[in-house]
PDB file of N, CA and C in Angstrom:
ATOM      1  N   MET A   1      -7.129 -42.224 -10.808  1.00  0.00           N
ATOM      2  CA  MET A   1      -6.518 -41.007 -10.311  1.00  0.00           C
ATOM      3  C   MET A   1      -6.353 -41.082  -8.797  1.00  0.00           C
ATOM      4  N   HIS A   2      -5.243 -40.567  -8.319  1.00  0.00           N
ATOM      5  CA  HIS A   2      -4.981 -40.544  -6.889  1.00  0.00           C
ATOM      6  C   HIS A   2      -5.393 -39.204  -6.315  1.00  0.00           C
ATOM      7  N   PRO A   3      -6.035 -39.192  -5.171  1.00  0.00           N
ATOM      8  CA  PRO A   3      -6.385 -37.905  -4.551  1.00  0.00           C
ATOM      9  C   PRO A   3      -5.120 -37.199  -4.074  1.00  0.00           C
ATOM     10  N   ILE A   4      -5.180 -35.886  -4.033  1.00  0.00           N
ATOM     11  CA  ILE A   4      -4.043 -35.091  -3.571  1.00  0.00           C
ATOM     12  C   ILE A   4      -3.915 -35.245  -2.065  1.00  0.00           C
ATOM     13  N   THR A   5      -2.751 -35.604  -1.622  1.00  0.00           N
ATOM     14  CA  THR A   5      -2.521 -35.765  -0.191  1.00  0.00           C
ATOM     15  C   THR A   5      -2.160 -34.430   0.427  1.00  0.00           C
ATOM     16  N   THR A   6      -2.075 -34.421   1.738  1.00  0.00           N
ATOM     17  CA  THR A   6      -1.689 -33.201   2.442  1.00  0.00           C
ATOM     18  C   THR A   6      -0.294 -32.770   2.023  1.00  0.00           C
ATOM     19  N   LYS A   7       0.597 -33.727   1.853  1.00  0.00           N
ATOM     20  CA  LYS A   7       1.960 -33.404   1.439  1.00  0.00           C
ATOM     21  C   LYS A   7       1.968 -32.764   0.046  1.00  0.00           C
ATOM     22  N   GLY A   8       1.133 -33.264  -0.850  1.00  0.00           N
ATOM     23  CA  GLY A   8       1.046 -32.701  -2.192  1.00  0.00           C
ATOM     24  C   GLY A   8       0.538 -31.266  -2.181  1.00  0.00           C
ATOM     25  N   ARG A   9      -0.450 -31.009  -1.329  1.00  0.00           N
ATOM     26  CA  ARG A   9      -0.971 -29.644  -1.223  1.00  0.00           C
ATOM     27  C   ARG A   9       0.074 -28.702  -0.651  1.00  0.00           C
ATOM     28  N   ASP A  10       0.838 -29.154   0.345  1.00  0.00           N
ATOM     29  CA  ASP A  10       1.901 -28.314   0.913  1.00  0.00           C
ATOM     30  C   ASP A  10       2.958 -28.007  -0.133  1.00  0.00           C
ATOM     31  N   SER A  11       3.258 -28.991  -0.969  1.00  0.00           N
ATOM     32  CA  SER A  11       4.234 -28.785  -2.028  1.00  0.00           C
ATOM     33  C   SER A  11       3.736 -27.742  -3.023  1.00  0.00           C
ATOM     34  N   MET A  12       2.434 -27.802  -3.362  1.00  0.00           N
ATOM     35  CA  MET A  12       1.873 -26.822  -4.282  1.00  0.00           C
ATOM     36  C   MET A  12       1.916 -25.422  -3.678  1.00  0.00           C
ATOM     37  N   HIS A  13       1.628 -25.311  -2.379  1.00  0.00           N
ATOM     38  CA  HIS A  13       1.669 -24.003  -1.724  1.00  0.00           C
ATOM     39  C   HIS A  13       3.078 -23.451  -1.678  1.00  0.00           C
ATOM     40  N   SER A  14       4.075 -24.309  -1.494  1.00  0.00           N
ATOM     41  CA  SER A  14       5.455 -23.806  -1.459  1.00  0.00           C
ATOM     42  C   SER A  14       5.883 -23.322  -2.839  1.00  0.00           C
ATOM     43  N   HIS A  15       5.423 -24.003  -3.902  1.00  0.00           N
ATOM     44  CA  HIS A  15       5.728 -23.527  -5.252  1.00  0.00           C
ATOM     45  C   HIS A  15       5.059 -22.181  -5.506  1.00  0.00           C
ATOM     46  N   ALA A  16       3.814 -22.036  -5.069  1.00  0.00           N
ATOM     47  CA  ALA A  16       3.104 -20.775  -5.243  1.00  0.00           C
ATOM     48  C   ALA A  16       3.777 -19.672  -4.434  1.00  0.00           C
ATOM     49  N   GLY A  17       4.248 -20.006  -3.232  1.00  0.00           N
ATOM     50  CA  GLY A  17       4.939 -19.017  -2.400  1.00  0.00           C
ATOM     51  C   GLY A  17       6.238 -18.553  -3.047  1.00  0.00           C
ATOM     52  N   ARG A  18       6.973 -19.500  -3.659  1.00  0.00           N
ATOM     53  CA  ARG A  18       8.206 -19.124  -4.357  1.00  0.00           C
ATOM     54  C   ARG A  18       7.903 -18.244  -5.560  1.00  0.00           C
ATOM     55  N   GLY A  19       6.804 -18.525  -6.241  1.00  0.00           N
ATOM     56  CA  GLY A  19       6.423 -17.713  -7.386  1.00  0.00           C
ATOM     57  C   GLY A  19       6.065 -16.295  -6.983  1.00  0.00           C
ATOM     58  N   ARG A  20       5.330 -16.174  -5.870  1.00  0.00           N
ATOM     59  CA  ARG A  20       4.975 -14.835  -5.377  1.00  0.00           C
ATOM     60  C   ARG A  20       6.211 -14.076  -4.925  1.00  0.00           C
ATOM     61  N   THR A  21       7.162 -14.798  -4.336  1.00  0.00           N
ATOM     62  CA  THR A  21       8.414 -14.161  -3.912  1.00  0.00           C
ATOM     63  C   THR A  21       9.183 -13.659  -5.129  1.00  0.00           C
ATOM     64  N   ALA A  22       9.219 -14.448  -6.185  1.00  0.00           N
ATOM     65  CA  ALA A  22       9.915 -14.036  -7.406  1.00  0.00           C
ATOM     66  C   ALA A  22       9.264 -12.803  -8.022  1.00  0.00           C
ATOM     67  N   VAL A  23       7.939 -12.760  -8.009  1.00  0.00           N
ATOM     68  CA  VAL A  23       7.227 -11.598  -8.549  1.00  0.00           C
ATOM     69  C   VAL A  23       7.529 -10.359  -7.706  1.00  0.00           C
ATOM     70  N   ALA A  24       7.533 -10.514  -6.393  1.00  0.00           N
ATOM     71  CA  ALA A  24       7.831  -9.376  -5.509  1.00  0.00           C
ATOM     72  C   ALA A  24       9.263  -8.884  -5.718  1.00  0.00           C
ATOM     73  N   GLN A  25      10.198  -9.802  -5.901  1.00  0.00           N
ATOM     74  CA  GLN A  25      11.584  -9.401  -6.136  1.00  0.00           C
ATOM     75  C   GLN A  25      11.733  -8.707  -7.485  1.00  0.00           C
ATOM     76  N   ALA A  26      11.065  -9.210  -8.501  1.00  0.00           N
ATOM     77  CA  ALA A  26      11.118  -8.570  -9.820  1.00  0.00           C
ATOM     78  C   ALA A  26      10.509  -7.171  -9.766  1.00  0.00           C
ATOM     79  N   ARG A  27       9.426  -7.048  -9.026  1.00  0.00           N
ATOM     80  CA  ARG A  27       8.789  -5.739  -8.848  1.00  0.00           C
ATOM     81  C   ARG A  27       9.740  -4.753  -8.175  1.00  0.00           C
ATOM     82  N   LEU A  28      10.444  -5.221  -7.134  1.00  0.00           N
ATOM     83  CA  LEU A  28      11.391  -4.360  -6.424  1.00  0.00           C
ATOM     84  C   LEU A  28      12.541  -3.948  -7.331  1.00  0.00           C
ATOM     85  N   VAL A  29      13.075  -4.873  -8.110  1.00  0.00           N
ATOM     86  CA  VAL A  29      14.173  -4.553  -9.030  1.00  0.00           C
ATOM     87  C   VAL A  29      13.714  -3.527 -10.061  1.00  0.00           C
ATOM     88  N   LEU A  30      12.518  -3.697 -10.603  1.00  0.00           N
ATOM     89  CA  LEU A  30      12.005  -2.728 -11.569  1.00  0.00           C
ATOM     90  C   LEU A  30      11.808  -1.351 -10.940  1.00  0.00           C
ATOM     91  N   LEU A  31      11.320  -1.313  -9.710  1.00  0.00           N
ATOM     92  CA  LEU A  31      11.164  -0.024  -9.027  1.00  0.00           C
ATOM     93  C   LEU A  31      12.510   0.655  -8.811  1.00  0.00           C
ATOM     94  N   ILE A  32      13.526  -0.112  -8.457  1.00  0.00           N
ATOM     95  CA  ILE A  32      14.866   0.455  -8.269  1.00  0.00           C
ATOM     96  C   ILE A  32      15.397   1.006  -9.593  1.00  0.00           C
ATOM     97  N   MET A  33      15.199   0.259 -10.672  1.00  0.00           N
ATOM     98  CA  MET A  33      15.667   0.714 -11.985  1.00  0.00           C
ATOM     99  C   MET A  33      14.973   2.005 -12.411  1.00  0.00           C
ATOM    100  N   VAL A  34      13.673   2.087 -12.182  1.00  0.00           N
ATOM    101  CA  VAL A  34      12.932   3.301 -12.541  1.00  0.00           C
ATOM    102  C   VAL A  34      13.405   4.474 -11.682  1.00  0.00           C
ATOM    103  N   ASN A  35      13.671   4.231 -10.404  1.00  0.00           N
ATOM    104  CA  ASN A  35      14.142   5.315  -9.534  1.00  0.00           C
ATOM    105  C   ASN A  35      15.529   5.804  -9.924  1.00  0.00           C
ATOM    106  N   VAL A  36      16.406   4.901 -10.350  1.00  0.00           N
ATOM    107  CA  VAL A  36      17.727   5.317 -10.832  1.00  0.00           C
ATOM    108  C   VAL A  36      17.576   6.178 -12.091  1.00  0.00           C
ATOM    109  N   ALA A  37      16.687   5.755 -13.001  1.00  0.00           N
ATOM    110  CA  ALA A  37      16.434   6.560 -14.197  1.00  0.00           C
ATOM    111  C   ALA A  37      15.859   7.921 -13.822  1.00  0.00           C
ATOM    112  N   GLN A  38      14.990   7.940 -12.835  1.00  0.00           N
ATOM    113  CA  GLN A  38      14.400   9.197 -12.377  1.00  0.00           C
ATOM    114  C   GLN A  38      15.470  10.140 -11.816  1.00  0.00           C
ATOM    115  N   LEU A  39      16.409   9.597 -11.066  1.00  0.00           N
ATOM    116  CA  LEU A  39      17.503  10.423 -10.542  1.00  0.00           C
ATOM    117  C   LEU A  39      18.381  10.966 -11.666  1.00  0.00           C
ATOM    118  N   TRP A  40      18.637  10.140 -12.685  1.00  0.00           N
ATOM    119  CA  TRP A  40      19.426  10.602 -13.823  1.00  0.00           C
ATOM    120  C   TRP A  40      18.693  11.730 -14.553  1.00  0.00           C
ATOM    121  N   ILE A  41      17.369  11.581 -14.726  1.00  0.00           N
ATOM    122  CA  ILE A  41      16.571  12.625 -15.378  1.00  0.00           C
ATOM    123  C   ILE A  41      16.592  13.907 -14.547  1.00  0.00           C
ATOM    124  N   LEU A  42      16.505  13.774 -13.228  1.00  0.00           N
ATOM    125  CA  LEU A  42      16.556  14.946 -12.357  1.00  0.00           C
ATOM    126  C   LEU A  42      17.894  15.674 -12.495  1.00  0.00           C
ATOM    127  N   ALA A  43      18.989  14.917 -12.514  1.00  0.00           N
ATOM    128  CA  ALA A  43      20.308  15.537 -12.669  1.00  0.00           C
ATOM    129  C   ALA A  43      20.424  16.238 -14.017  1.00  0.00           C
ATOM    130  N   ALA A  44      19.916  15.628 -15.078  1.00  0.00           N
ATOM    131  CA  ALA A  44      19.956  16.248 -16.400  1.00  0.00           C
ATOM    132  C   ALA A  44      19.084  17.501 -16.445  1.00  0.00           C
ATOM    133  N   THR A  45      17.964  17.474 -15.755  1.00  0.00           N
ATOM    134  CA  THR A  45      17.074  18.639 -15.717  1.00  0.00           C
ATOM    135  C   THR A  45      17.725  19.810 -15.002  1.00  0.00           C
ATOM    136  N   VAL A  46      18.343  19.540 -13.869  1.00  0.00           N
ATOM    137  CA  VAL A  46      19.029  20.606 -13.123  1.00  0.00           C
ATOM    138  C   VAL A  46      20.180  21.177 -13.948  1.00  0.00           C
ATOM    139  N   GLU A  47      20.935  20.291 -14.591  1.00  0.00           N
ATOM    140  CA  GLU A  47      22.053  20.749 -15.421  1.00  0.00           C
ATOM    141  C   GLU A  47      21.563  21.611 -16.578  1.00  0.00           C
ATOM    142  N   ALA A  48      20.470  21.204 -17.238  1.00  0.00           N
ATOM    143  CA  ALA A  48      19.926  21.981 -18.352  1.00  0.00           C
ATOM    144  C   ALA A  48      19.388  23.328 -17.880  1.00  0.00           C
ATOM    145  N   ALA A  49      18.754  23.350 -16.732  1.00  0.00           N
ATOM    146  CA  ALA A  49      18.214  24.613 -16.209  1.00  0.00           C
ATOM    147  C   ALA A  49      19.338  25.572 -15.833  1.00  0.00           C
ATOM    148  N   LEU A  50      20.399  25.050 -15.216  1.00  0.00           N
ATOM    149  CA  LEU A  50      21.514  25.914 -14.838  1.00  0.00           C
ATOM    150  C   LEU A  50      22.284  26.430 -16.047  1.00  0.00           C
ATOM    151  N   ALA A  51      22.266  25.656 -17.138  1.00  0.00           N
ATOM    152  CA  ALA A  51      22.961  26.078 -18.357  1.00  0.00           C
ATOM    153  C   ALA A  51      22.059  26.924 -19.262  1.00  0.00           C
ATOM    154  N   HIS A  52      20.855  27.228 -18.802  1.00  0.00           N
ATOM    155  CA  HIS A  52      19.864  28.014 -19.548  1.00  0.00           C
ATOM    156  C   HIS A  52      19.515  27.371 -20.884  1.00  0.00           C
ATOM    157  N   ARG A  53      19.462  26.040 -20.922  1.00  0.00           N
ATOM    158  CA  ARG A  53      19.010  25.313 -22.120  1.00  0.00           C
ATOM    159  C   ARG A  53      17.568  24.882 -21.864  1.00  0.00           C
ATOM    160  N   PHE A  54      16.675  25.819 -21.980  1.00  0.00           N
ATOM    161  CA  PHE A  54      15.286  25.578 -21.623  1.00  0.00           C
ATOM    162  C   PHE A  54      14.558  24.684 -22.628  1.00  0.00           C
ATOM    163  N   SER A  55      15.102  24.552 -23.845  1.00  0.00           N
ATOM    164  CA  SER A  55      14.465  23.678 -24.835  1.00  0.00           C
ATOM    165  C   SER A  55      14.588  22.211 -24.439  1.00  0.00           C
ATOM    166  N   ALA A  56      15.549  21.874 -23.614  1.00  0.00           N
ATOM    167  CA  ALA A  56      15.732  20.484 -23.179  1.00  0.00           C
ATOM    168  C   ALA A  56      14.836  20.120 -22.002  1.00  0.00           C
ATOM    169  N   LEU A  57      14.207  21.104 -21.395  1.00  0.00           N
ATOM    170  CA  LEU A  57      13.422  20.835 -20.196  1.00  0.00           C
ATOM    171  C   LEU A  57      12.126  20.073 -20.486  1.00  0.00           C
ATOM    172  N   LEU A  58      11.451  20.403 -21.595  1.00  0.00           N
ATOM    173  CA  LEU A  58      10.176  19.738 -21.887  1.00  0.00           C
ATOM    174  C   LEU A  58      10.341  18.226 -22.079  1.00  0.00           C
ATOM    175  N   PRO A  59      11.298  17.751 -22.885  1.00  0.00           N
ATOM    176  CA  PRO A  59      11.464  16.291 -22.999  1.00  0.00           C
ATOM    177  C   PRO A  59      11.849  15.631 -21.667  1.00  0.00           C
ATOM    178  N   LEU A  60      12.618  16.313 -20.852  1.00  0.00           N
ATOM    179  CA  LEU A  60      13.000  15.752 -19.558  1.00  0.00           C
ATOM    180  C   LEU A  60      11.806  15.671 -18.607  1.00  0.00           C
ATOM    181  N   VAL A  61      10.951  16.657 -18.635  1.00  0.00           N
ATOM    182  CA  VAL A  61       9.750  16.628 -17.796  1.00  0.00           C
ATOM    183  C   VAL A  61       8.806  15.527 -18.268  1.00  0.00           C
ATOM    184  N   ILE A  62       8.683  15.336 -19.579  1.00  0.00           N
ATOM    185  CA  ILE A  62       7.841  14.258 -20.107  1.00  0.00           C
ATOM    186  C   ILE A  62       8.403  12.896 -19.692  1.00  0.00           C
ATOM    187  N   ALA A  63       9.722  12.722 -19.803  1.00  0.00           N
ATOM    188  CA  ALA A  63      10.351  11.462 -19.388  1.00  0.00           C
ATOM    189  C   ALA A  63      10.144  11.209 -17.901  1.00  0.00           C
ATOM    190  N   SER A  64      10.221  12.256 -17.106  1.00  0.00           N
ATOM    191  CA  SER A  64       9.988  12.118 -15.674  1.00  0.00           C
ATOM    192  C   SER A  64       8.539  11.703 -15.394  1.00  0.00           C
ATOM    193  N   GLY A  65       7.608  12.269 -16.124  1.00  0.00           N
ATOM    194  CA  GLY A  65       6.202  11.895 -15.978  1.00  0.00           C
ATOM    195  C   GLY A  65       5.958  10.444 -16.354  1.00  0.00           C
ATOM    196  N   ILE A  66       6.623   9.977 -17.399  1.00  0.00           N
ATOM    197  CA  ILE A  66       6.494   8.572 -17.795  1.00  0.00           C
ATOM    198  C   ILE A  66       7.036   7.664 -16.696  1.00  0.00           C
ATOM    199  N   CYS A  67       8.174   8.032 -16.123  1.00  0.00           N
ATOM    200  CA  CYS A  67       8.730   7.240 -15.012  1.00  0.00           C
ATOM    201  C   CYS A  67       7.767   7.214 -13.826  1.00  0.00           C
ATOM    202  N   PHE A  68       7.119   8.328 -13.561  1.00  0.00           N
ATOM    203  CA  PHE A  68       6.161   8.399 -12.463  1.00  0.00           C
ATOM    204  C   PHE A  68       4.978   7.466 -12.710  1.00  0.00           C
ATOM    205  N   VAL A  69       4.452   7.453 -13.933  1.00  0.00           N
ATOM    206  CA  VAL A  69       3.331   6.584 -14.274  1.00  0.00           C
ATOM    207  C   VAL A  69       3.743   5.113 -14.180  1.00  0.00           C
ATOM    208  N   VAL A  70       4.951   4.780 -14.643  1.00  0.00           N
ATOM    209  CA  VAL A  70       5.441   3.404 -14.551  1.00  0.00           C
ATOM    210  C   VAL A  70       5.559   2.980 -13.089  1.00  0.00           C
ATOM    211  N   THR A  71       6.050   3.873 -12.246  1.00  0.00           N
ATOM    212  CA  THR A  71       6.176   3.573 -10.817  1.00  0.00           C
ATOM    213  C   THR A  71       4.802   3.320 -10.186  1.00  0.00           C
ATOM    214  N   LEU A  72       3.837   4.172 -10.485  1.00  0.00           N
ATOM    215  CA  LEU A  72       2.487   3.969  -9.951  1.00  0.00           C
ATOM    216  C   LEU A  72       1.891   2.651 -10.431  1.00  0.00           C
ATOM    217  N   THR A  73       2.138   2.319 -11.683  1.00  0.00           N
ATOM    218  CA  THR A  73       1.644   1.054 -12.227  1.00  0.00           C
ATOM    219  C   THR A  73       2.257  -0.123 -11.498  1.00  0.00           C
ATOM    220  N   LEU A  74       3.558  -0.083 -11.261  1.00  0.00           N
ATOM    221  CA  LEU A  74       4.228  -1.179 -10.565  1.00  0.00           C
ATOM    222  C   LEU A  74       3.738  -1.313  -9.124  1.00  0.00           C
ATOM    223  N   ILE A  75       3.467  -0.207  -8.479  1.00  0.00           N
ATOM    224  CA  ILE A  75       3.064  -0.252  -7.074  1.00  0.00           C
ATOM    225  C   ILE A  75       1.612  -0.709  -6.923  1.00  0.00           C
ATOM    226  N   PHE A  76       0.703  -0.170  -7.727  1.00  0.00           N
ATOM    227  CA  PHE A  76      -0.718  -0.393  -7.480  1.00  0.00           C
ATOM    228  C   PHE A  76      -1.375  -1.484  -8.310  1.00  0.00           C
ATOM    229  N   TRP A  77      -0.904  -1.746  -9.528  1.00  0.00           N
ATOM    230  CA  TRP A  77      -1.658  -2.653 -10.382  1.00  0.00           C
ATOM    231  C   TRP A  77      -0.941  -3.939 -10.744  1.00  0.00           C
ATOM    232  N   TRP A  78       0.339  -4.059 -10.550  1.00  0.00           N
ATOM    233  CA  TRP A  78       1.083  -5.243 -10.979  1.00  0.00           C
ATOM    234  C   TRP A  78       1.174  -6.217  -9.824  1.00  0.00           C
ATOM    235  N   ARG A  79       0.308  -7.234  -9.814  1.00  0.00           N
ATOM    236  CA  ARG A  79       0.278  -8.223  -8.740  1.00  0.00           C
ATOM    237  C   ARG A  79       0.262  -9.617  -9.345  1.00  0.00           C
ATOM    238  N   PRO A  80       0.717 -10.611  -8.605  1.00  0.00           N
ATOM    239  CA  PRO A  80       0.634 -11.981  -9.127  1.00  0.00           C
ATOM    240  C   PRO A  80      -0.817 -12.431  -9.238  1.00  0.00           C
ATOM    241  N   ALA A  81      -1.100 -13.249 -10.240  1.00  0.00           N
ATOM    242  CA  ALA A  81      -2.455 -13.756 -10.444  1.00  0.00           C
ATOM    243  C   ALA A  81      -2.766 -14.830  -9.407  1.00  0.00           C
ATOM    244  N   SER A  82      -3.992 -14.829  -8.914  1.00  0.00           N
ATOM    245  CA  SER A  82      -4.424 -15.829  -7.963  1.00  0.00           C
ATOM    246  C   SER A  82      -5.936 -15.957  -8.033  1.00  0.00           C
ATOM    247  N   ARG A  83      -6.443 -17.042  -7.500  1.00  0.00           N
ATOM    248  CA  ARG A  83      -7.889 -17.238  -7.471  1.00  0.00           C
ATOM    249  C   ARG A  83      -8.504 -16.740  -6.175  1.00  0.00           C
ATOM    250  N   HIS A  84      -7.699 -16.386  -5.191  1.00  0.00           N
ATOM    251  CA  HIS A  84      -8.200 -16.004  -3.868  1.00  0.00           C
ATOM    252  C   HIS A  84      -7.877 -14.543  -3.590  1.00  0.00           C
ATOM    253  N   TYR A  85      -8.792 -13.652  -3.952  1.00  0.00           N
ATOM    254  CA  TYR A  85      -8.588 -12.230  -3.737  1.00  0.00           C
ATOM    255  C   TYR A  85      -9.430 -11.726  -2.574  1.00  0.00           C
ATOM    256  N   THR A  86      -8.917 -10.703  -1.911  1.00  0.00           N
ATOM    257  CA  THR A  86      -9.726  -9.965  -0.958  1.00  0.00           C
ATOM    258  C   THR A  86     -10.243  -8.726  -1.672  1.00  0.00           C
ATOM    259  N   SER A  87     -10.948  -7.867  -0.989  1.00  0.00           N
ATOM    260  CA  SER A  87     -11.464  -6.660  -1.629  1.00  0.00           C
ATOM    261  C   SER A  87     -10.344  -5.716  -2.059  1.00  0.00           C
ATOM    262  N   SER A  88      -9.177  -5.791  -1.394  1.00  0.00           N
ATOM    263  CA  SER A  88      -8.067  -4.921  -1.786  1.00  0.00           C
ATOM    264  C   SER A  88      -7.216  -5.537  -2.892  1.00  0.00           C
ATOM    265  N   GLY A  89      -7.487  -6.795  -3.249  1.00  0.00           N
ATOM    266  CA  GLY A  89      -6.740  -7.439  -4.323  1.00  0.00           C
ATOM    267  C   GLY A  89      -5.626  -8.338  -3.849  1.00  0.00           C
ATOM    268  N   TYR A  90      -5.367  -8.388  -2.570  1.00  0.00           N
ATOM    269  CA  TYR A  90      -4.294  -9.233  -2.052  1.00  0.00           C
ATOM    270  C   TYR A  90      -4.827 -10.610  -1.656  1.00  0.00           C
ATOM    271  N   LEU A  91      -3.928 -11.540  -1.506  1.00  0.00           N
ATOM    272  CA  LEU A  91      -4.304 -12.914  -1.205  1.00  0.00           C
ATOM    273  C   LEU A  91      -4.772 -13.088   0.224  1.00  0.00           C
ATOM    274  N   LYS A  92      -5.780 -13.953   0.400  1.00  0.00           N
ATOM    275  CA  LYS A  92      -6.205 -14.342   1.736  1.00  0.00           C
ATOM    276  C   LYS A  92      -5.304 -15.450   2.230  1.00  0.00           C
ATOM    277  N   ARG A  93      -5.021 -15.478   3.475  1.00  0.00           N
ATOM    278  CA  ARG A  93      -4.223 -16.560   4.085  1.00  0.00           C
ATOM    279  C   ARG A  93      -5.136 -17.452   4.874  1.00  0.00           C
TER     280      ARG A  93
END
């Protein structure tokens, strides 16, 4: 077996960096999608309230709550896996 050279370690770090970048981009895209859905739900809620269709409000409020929980999950708990965590859960440099 050959020992890992400095160049090999740098290559591994660049692959890991690209992976973290991909995870961050996917997280951002998902947050944008959830926010667009949230805006659509808000528009439907306002329209239902103005039309006095109060029976439609409960499902819209529940859907909005689900979007809120998904957003919190994406922001606080969805992180790339690593072996080097700090107390806040982020990577040490």
